[in-house]
Amino acid sequence: MNATGSVVCVGTFDGLHKGHQVVIGRTVEHAKRMGLQSVVFTFWPHPHEVIFPDKPVSYLNTYSEKAILFQNLGVDILVLYPFDKEFSNISAQDFIKHFLIEKLGMKFLVVGHDHQFGKERQGSFDKLKACAQDWQFDIERIEVQSVGDVHVSSTKIRNLIKEGRIEQANQLLGYEYFVGGKVIKGHQIGRTLGYPTANIEIEAHKVLPSKGVYAVRVQIDHMWYDGVANLGHRPSIKASQKLNLEVYIFDLNLNLYGQFISIRLVKKLRDEQQFNSLDELKKQIDCDVTICKQFFELEQAKNIKL
């Protein structure tokens, strides 16, 4: 830790959406202006998962995805603190004094519009201002951020994704929502239809969109490819109870078994359907691939004009 101190922001930051990005951006700005280090203090698992263990939490970001996103935002130090019952009972004053001031040398604190500290969220902004005066650090609260007339929040984004409204969710996130996983062996039926797919082992506790077919971008070894993905139970081919994510990657013929790939969801094309034969299924996949390629070509043409 830099002996001169730090500018700190604190929060769960699930999704690292546009509202979070403003909080973190201001933290980085203040740190550069003051010649200090920018620090994000965040938690894993989500506090609700510990406080309400009977209500499972689905995450917009895994902890490894969070780390990458924070790095991209220019944060100097990321503190990923384990959240447990003992930690949940720490008062707001003790957290600020012992964790932020004594351990991180905090000189400036940036908080979101609705963030509250400490046991039972008793650390209101008024209490934070009193602490700032007592312990001589500056504080800034960032107001709620909006896209159009929609206030940005992790809850709204989760709901949009679950409804398959990916484009609207991406607008609030400020980036394309992504799902990562290892490529595993499937039934290889797509190969017989002329569309070899990569079957993805979906990471646990990740927020997933509604079942259907999506236009996607796929990252493999720092390279990006367009593709079309199906998320569902494959009702037309050996239907299973397990949710399957399969991706057909355009213009790529590689053995990807065992590799970890990242899939960015761009647009939902249609809901999952059941077909009476493999011929019917193939015709629909032909149509999906054509529509998806046309979508990416149009998108590329728009970007060129810009």
Protein backbone atom coordinates (compact mmCIF):
# COMPACT_ATOMS: atom_id res chain seq x y z
CA MET A 1 0.00 0.00 0.00
CA ASN A 2 1.28 3.48 -0.93
CA ALA A 3 2.34 5.28 2.25
CA THR A 4 0.64 8.48 1.06
CA GLY A 5 -2.79 6.87 1.19
CA SER A 6 -5.68 5.97 -1.08
CA VAL A 7 -9.02 6.91 -2.59
CA VAL A 8 -11.51 4.12 -1.93
CA CYS A 9 -14.90 3.00 -3.20
CA VAL A 10 -16.85 0.20 -1.54
CA GLY A 11 -19.62 -2.00 -2.85
CA THR A 12 -20.72 -5.36 -4.19
CA PHE A 13 -20.60 -4.04 -7.78
CA ASP A 14 -22.36 -7.04 -9.32
CA GLY A 15 -22.51 -6.40 -13.05
CA LEU A 16 -20.16 -3.41 -12.97
CA HIS A 17 -22.83 -1.51 -14.88
CA LYS A 18 -22.81 2.13 -16.00
CA GLY A 19 -23.69 3.37 -12.52
CA HIS A 20 -20.83 1.42 -10.95
CA GLN A 21 -18.50 2.63 -13.68
CA VAL A 22 -19.18 6.26 -12.73
CA VAL A 23 -18.38 5.51 -9.06
CA ILE A 24 -15.15 3.75 -9.99
CA GLY A 25 -14.26 6.37 -12.59
CA ARG A 26 -14.54 9.12 -9.98
CA THR A 27 -12.40 7.08 -7.59
CA VAL A 28 -9.66 6.76 -10.21
CA GLU A 29 -9.95 10.47 -11.11
CA HIS A 30 -9.62 11.63 -7.49
CA ALA A 31 -6.68 9.29 -6.91
CA LYS A 32 -4.78 10.66 -9.91
CA ARG A 33 -5.55 14.26 -8.92
CA MET A 34 -4.37 13.68 -5.35
CA GLY A 35 -1.37 11.50 -6.22
CA LEU A 36 -2.87 8.55 -4.35
CA GLN A 37 -3.79 4.97 -5.22
CA SER A 38 -7.29 4.01 -6.30
CA VAL A 39 -8.75 1.10 -4.32
CA VAL A 40 -11.95 -0.90 -4.84
CA PHE A 41 -13.09 -2.76 -1.72
CA THR A 42 -15.60 -5.42 -2.71
CA PHE A 43 -16.93 -8.70 -1.34
CA TRP A 44 -17.40 -12.34 -2.24
CA PRO A 45 -19.83 -13.98 -1.91
CA HIS A 46 -22.69 -11.53 -2.24
CA PRO A 47 -23.80 -10.34 1.25
CA HIS A 48 -27.39 -11.53 0.59
CA GLU A 49 -26.08 -15.07 0.12
CA VAL A 50 -24.68 -15.01 3.68
CA ILE A 51 -27.42 -13.05 5.40
CA PHE A 52 -30.27 -14.90 3.63
CA PRO A 53 -28.85 -18.39 2.95
CA ASP A 54 -32.30 -19.72 1.95
CA LYS A 55 -32.44 -17.25 -0.96
CA PRO A 56 -29.78 -18.24 -3.52
CA VAL A 57 -28.10 -15.46 -5.47
CA SER A 58 -27.48 -15.47 -9.21
CA TYR A 59 -24.48 -13.36 -10.25
CA LEU A 60 -24.02 -11.09 -13.23
CA ASN A 61 -20.25 -11.54 -12.79
CA THR A 62 -18.14 -14.28 -11.28
CA TYR A 63 -15.28 -13.07 -9.07
CA SER A 64 -12.73 -13.72 -11.87
CA GLU A 65 -14.84 -11.74 -14.36
CA LYS A 66 -15.06 -8.91 -11.84
CA ALA A 67 -11.29 -8.77 -11.49
CA ILE A 68 -10.86 -8.37 -15.26
CA LEU A 69 -13.50 -5.64 -15.48
CA PHE A 70 -11.97 -3.68 -12.59
CA GLN A 71 -8.56 -3.86 -14.23
CA ASN A 72 -10.01 -2.51 -17.47
CA LEU A 73 -11.36 0.48 -15.53
CA GLY A 74 -7.87 1.46 -14.37
CA VAL A 75 -8.14 0.54 -10.69
CA ASP A 76 -4.76 0.29 -8.90
CA ILE A 77 -5.74 -2.12 -6.12
CA LEU A 78 -8.65 -4.55 -5.87
CA VAL A 79 -9.53 -5.86 -2.40
CA LEU A 80 -11.82 -8.89 -2.73
CA TYR A 81 -12.79 -9.55 0.87
CA PRO A 82 -14.50 -12.78 1.99
CA PHE A 83 -17.95 -11.91 3.30
CA ASP A 84 -19.08 -14.14 6.17
CA LYS A 85 -21.29 -13.96 9.28
CA GLU A 86 -18.52 -12.45 11.40
CA PHE A 87 -17.82 -9.73 8.85
CA SER A 88 -21.56 -8.97 8.52
CA ASN A 89 -21.67 -8.00 12.22
CA ILE A 90 -19.00 -5.31 11.98
CA SER A 91 -20.40 -1.83 12.55
CA ALA A 92 -20.03 0.88 9.94
CA GLN A 93 -17.70 2.87 12.19
CA ASP A 94 -15.42 -0.10 12.88
CA PHE A 95 -15.30 -1.02 9.19
CA ILE A 96 -14.31 2.49 8.17
CA LYS A 97 -11.75 2.92 10.95
CA HIS A 98 -10.07 -0.50 11.00
CA PHE A 99 -10.34 -1.55 7.36
CA LEU A 100 -10.43 1.61 5.28
CA ILE A 101 -8.39 4.09 7.32
CA GLU A 102 -5.93 1.94 9.27
CA LYS A 103 -5.28 -0.75 6.64
CA LEU A 104 -5.79 1.18 3.39
CA GLY A 105 -4.83 4.69 4.46
CA MET A 106 -8.06 6.11 3.03
CA LYS A 107 -8.08 9.87 2.39
CA PHE A 108 -11.16 10.05 0.17
CA LEU A 109 -14.27 7.82 -0.03
CA VAL A 110 -16.59 7.57 -3.05
CA VAL A 111 -19.98 5.88 -2.59
CA GLY A 112 -22.99 5.13 -4.76
CA HIS A 113 -26.35 6.81 -4.21
CA ASP A 114 -27.84 3.88 -2.27
CA HIS A 115 -24.82 2.28 -0.62
CA GLN A 116 -24.94 1.72 3.15
CA PHE A 117 -22.17 0.35 5.36
CA GLY A 118 -21.90 -2.04 8.22
CA LYS A 119 -24.15 -4.28 10.29
CA GLU A 120 -27.76 -4.25 9.07
CA ARG A 121 -26.79 -1.46 6.62
CA GLN A 122 -26.82 1.09 9.43
CA GLY A 123 -24.08 3.22 7.89
CA SER A 124 -26.19 5.90 6.18
CA PHE A 125 -24.64 8.75 4.19
CA ASP A 126 -25.22 11.14 7.13
CA LYS A 127 -23.26 8.80 9.40
CA LEU A 128 -20.52 8.55 6.78
CA LYS A 129 -20.28 12.35 6.66
CA ALA A 130 -19.95 12.43 10.47
CA CYS A 131 -17.17 9.83 10.28
CA ALA A 132 -15.47 11.86 7.55
CA GLN A 133 -15.42 14.90 9.80
CA ASP A 134 -14.19 12.95 12.82
CA TRP A 135 -11.44 11.05 11.00
CA GLN A 136 -10.54 13.72 8.42
CA PHE A 137 -11.26 12.15 5.07
CA ASP A 138 -13.26 13.56 2.16
CA ILE A 139 -16.38 11.91 0.81
CA GLU A 140 -18.45 12.08 -2.39
CA ARG A 141 -21.79 10.45 -3.16
CA ILE A 142 -22.60 9.68 -6.81
CA GLU A 143 -26.23 10.17 -7.76
CA VAL A 144 -28.27 7.48 -9.51
CA GLN A 145 -27.33 7.08 -13.19
CA SER A 146 -29.88 6.74 -15.98
CA VAL A 147 -29.97 5.56 -19.57
CA GLY A 148 -32.79 7.53 -21.17
CA ASP A 149 -35.50 7.49 -18.52
CA VAL A 150 -34.38 4.18 -16.96
CA HIS A 151 -32.43 4.21 -13.69
CA VAL A 152 -29.50 1.79 -13.86
CA SER A 153 -29.47 -1.03 -11.30
CA SER A 154 -28.21 -4.60 -11.05
CA THR A 155 -31.74 -5.82 -10.30
CA LYS A 156 -33.15 -4.30 -13.49
CA ILE A 157 -30.30 -5.77 -15.52
CA ARG A 158 -30.84 -9.25 -14.03
CA ASN A 159 -34.53 -9.09 -14.93
CA LEU A 160 -33.84 -7.91 -18.48
CA ILE A 161 -31.36 -10.74 -19.05
CA LYS A 162 -33.73 -13.36 -17.66
CA GLU A 163 -36.40 -12.06 -20.04
CA GLY A 164 -34.00 -12.35 -22.99
CA ARG A 165 -33.95 -8.56 -23.50
CA ILE A 166 -30.22 -8.58 -24.08
CA GLU A 167 -29.90 -5.37 -26.06
CA GLN A 168 -31.63 -3.36 -23.33
CA ALA A 169 -29.50 -5.06 -20.63
CA ASN A 170 -26.32 -4.26 -22.56
CA GLN A 171 -27.30 -0.58 -22.73
CA LEU A 172 -27.49 -0.43 -18.92
CA LEU A 173 -24.32 -2.48 -18.48
CA GLY A 174 -22.24 -0.42 -20.89
CA TYR A 175 -20.82 -3.60 -22.43
CA GLU A 176 -22.11 -6.86 -23.90
CA TYR A 177 -23.15 -9.35 -21.24
CA PHE A 178 -20.94 -12.42 -21.28
CA VAL A 179 -21.01 -16.03 -20.16
CA GLY A 180 -17.82 -18.10 -19.92
CA GLY A 181 -17.17 -21.79 -19.66
CA LYS A 182 -15.10 -24.78 -20.68
CA VAL A 183 -15.83 -26.55 -23.98
CA ILE A 184 -17.01 -30.10 -23.28
CA LYS A 185 -17.96 -33.05 -25.44
CA GLY A 186 -21.57 -33.12 -26.67
CA HIS A 187 -23.65 -35.49 -28.79
CA GLN A 188 -22.03 -34.11 -31.99
CA ILE A 189 -25.37 -34.02 -33.80
CA GLY A 190 -24.74 -30.45 -34.94
CA ARG A 191 -21.75 -31.75 -36.89
CA THR A 192 -23.99 -34.14 -38.88
CA LEU A 193 -26.22 -31.16 -39.77
CA GLY A 194 -23.27 -29.15 -41.06
CA TYR A 195 -23.04 -26.96 -37.98
CA PRO A 196 -20.43 -28.24 -35.53
CA THR A 197 -21.05 -26.58 -32.17
CA ALA A 198 -18.95 -25.98 -29.08
CA ASN A 199 -20.84 -27.21 -26.00
CA ILE A 200 -20.15 -25.01 -23.01
CA GLU A 201 -20.04 -26.08 -19.38
CA ILE A 202 -21.95 -23.19 -17.83
CA GLU A 203 -20.50 -21.69 -14.66
CA ALA A 204 -22.65 -22.15 -11.57
CA HIS A 205 -24.75 -19.30 -10.10
CA LYS A 206 -24.49 -17.20 -13.27
CA VAL A 207 -27.51 -15.18 -14.41
CA LEU A 208 -28.66 -16.77 -17.68
CA PRO A 209 -31.03 -15.42 -20.32
CA SER A 210 -34.31 -16.99 -21.34
CA LYS A 211 -34.11 -20.09 -23.53
CA GLY A 212 -33.58 -19.38 -27.21
CA VAL A 213 -31.18 -18.54 -30.02
CA TYR A 214 -28.77 -15.59 -29.77
CA ALA A 215 -26.33 -13.69 -31.95
CA VAL A 216 -23.02 -13.83 -30.07
CA ARG A 217 -19.37 -12.85 -30.17
CA VAL A 218 -16.93 -15.49 -29.01
CA GLN A 219 -13.45 -14.85 -27.58
CA ILE A 220 -10.85 -17.56 -28.06
CA ASP A 221 -7.17 -16.87 -27.25
CA HIS A 222 -7.69 -13.08 -27.49
CA MET A 223 -9.33 -13.42 -30.93
CA TRP A 224 -12.98 -12.57 -31.59
CA TYR A 225 -15.41 -14.47 -33.81
CA ASP A 226 -19.09 -14.01 -34.65
CA GLY A 227 -21.46 -16.87 -34.04
CA VAL A 228 -24.91 -18.09 -33.12
CA ALA A 229 -25.74 -19.79 -29.81
CA ASN A 230 -28.60 -21.87 -28.51
CA LEU A 231 -29.46 -21.97 -24.82
CA GLY A 232 -32.02 -24.55 -23.79
CA HIS A 233 -32.94 -28.18 -23.29
CA ARG A 234 -32.64 -29.28 -26.96
CA PRO A 235 -36.27 -30.49 -27.23
CA SER A 236 -35.69 -31.71 -30.80
CA ILE A 237 -32.54 -33.74 -30.04
CA LYS A 238 -32.22 -35.97 -26.98
CA ALA A 239 -33.94 -33.45 -24.72
CA SER A 240 -32.38 -33.19 -21.27
CA GLN A 241 -33.28 -31.62 -17.94
CA LYS A 242 -29.91 -29.88 -17.90
CA LEU A 243 -29.65 -26.47 -19.53
CA ASN A 244 -27.28 -26.61 -22.52
CA LEU A 245 -25.33 -23.80 -24.17
CA GLU A 246 -24.12 -24.61 -27.69
CA VAL A 247 -22.29 -22.21 -30.00
CA TYR A 248 -21.72 -22.41 -33.74
CA ILE A 249 -18.75 -20.17 -34.53
CA PHE A 250 -18.59 -18.76 -38.04
CA ASP A 251 -15.49 -19.41 -40.16
CA LEU A 252 -13.70 -21.45 -37.51
CA ASN A 253 -12.79 -25.11 -37.53
CA LEU A 254 -10.71 -25.84 -34.43
CA ASN A 255 -10.71 -28.53 -31.76
CA LEU A 256 -11.76 -26.50 -28.72
CA TYR A 257 -12.30 -29.31 -26.20
CA GLY A 258 -11.03 -28.33 -22.78
CA GLN A 259 -10.56 -24.66 -23.66
CA PHE A 260 -12.26 -21.86 -21.72
CA ILE A 261 -14.11 -19.48 -24.01
CA SER A 262 -16.09 -16.29 -23.38
CA ILE A 263 -19.42 -15.71 -25.13
CA ARG A 264 -20.82 -12.19 -25.41
CA LEU A 265 -24.58 -12.06 -25.95
CA VAL A 266 -25.52 -9.44 -28.54
CA LYS A 267 -29.14 -10.02 -29.61
CA LYS A 268 -31.89 -12.59 -29.14
CA LEU A 269 -33.07 -14.02 -32.46
CA ARG A 270 -35.92 -16.28 -31.34
CA ASP A 271 -37.27 -18.47 -28.53
CA GLU A 272 -36.39 -22.14 -28.27
CA GLN A 273 -38.60 -24.33 -30.48
CA GLN A 274 -39.27 -28.04 -30.91
CA PHE A 275 -39.07 -29.54 -34.41
CA ASN A 276 -40.56 -32.80 -35.68
CA SER A 277 -37.49 -33.91 -37.63
CA LEU A 278 -33.79 -33.21 -38.12
CA ASP A 279 -34.60 -31.83 -41.57
CA GLU A 280 -36.91 -29.22 -40.03
CA LEU A 281 -34.26 -28.39 -37.45
CA LYS A 282 -31.56 -27.99 -40.11
CA LYS A 283 -33.77 -25.63 -42.15
CA GLN A 284 -34.31 -23.47 -39.07
CA ILE A 285 -30.58 -23.44 -38.25
CA ASP A 286 -29.88 -22.40 -41.87
CA CYS A 287 -32.30 -19.53 -41.35
CA ASP A 288 -30.82 -18.59 -37.95
CA VAL A 289 -27.29 -18.50 -39.33
CA THR A 290 -28.34 -16.38 -42.33
CA ILE A 291 -30.20 -13.87 -40.13
CA CYS A 292 -27.32 -13.72 -37.68
CA LYS A 293 -24.71 -13.09 -40.39
CA GLN A 294 -26.89 -10.38 -41.92
CA PHE A 295 -27.22 -8.77 -38.49
CA PHE A 296 -23.43 -8.64 -37.98
CA GLU A 297 -22.86 -7.37 -41.55
CA LEU A 298 -25.36 -4.55 -41.00
CA GLU A 299 -23.77 -3.74 -37.63
CA GLN A 300 -20.32 -3.61 -39.23
CA ALA A 301 -21.58 -1.34 -42.02
CA LYS A 302 -23.06 1.06 -39.44
CA ASN A 303 -19.75 1.18 -37.55
CA ILE A 304 -17.83 1.92 -40.74
CA LYS A 305 -20.16 4.85 -41.52
CA LEU A 306 -19.67 6.21 -37.99
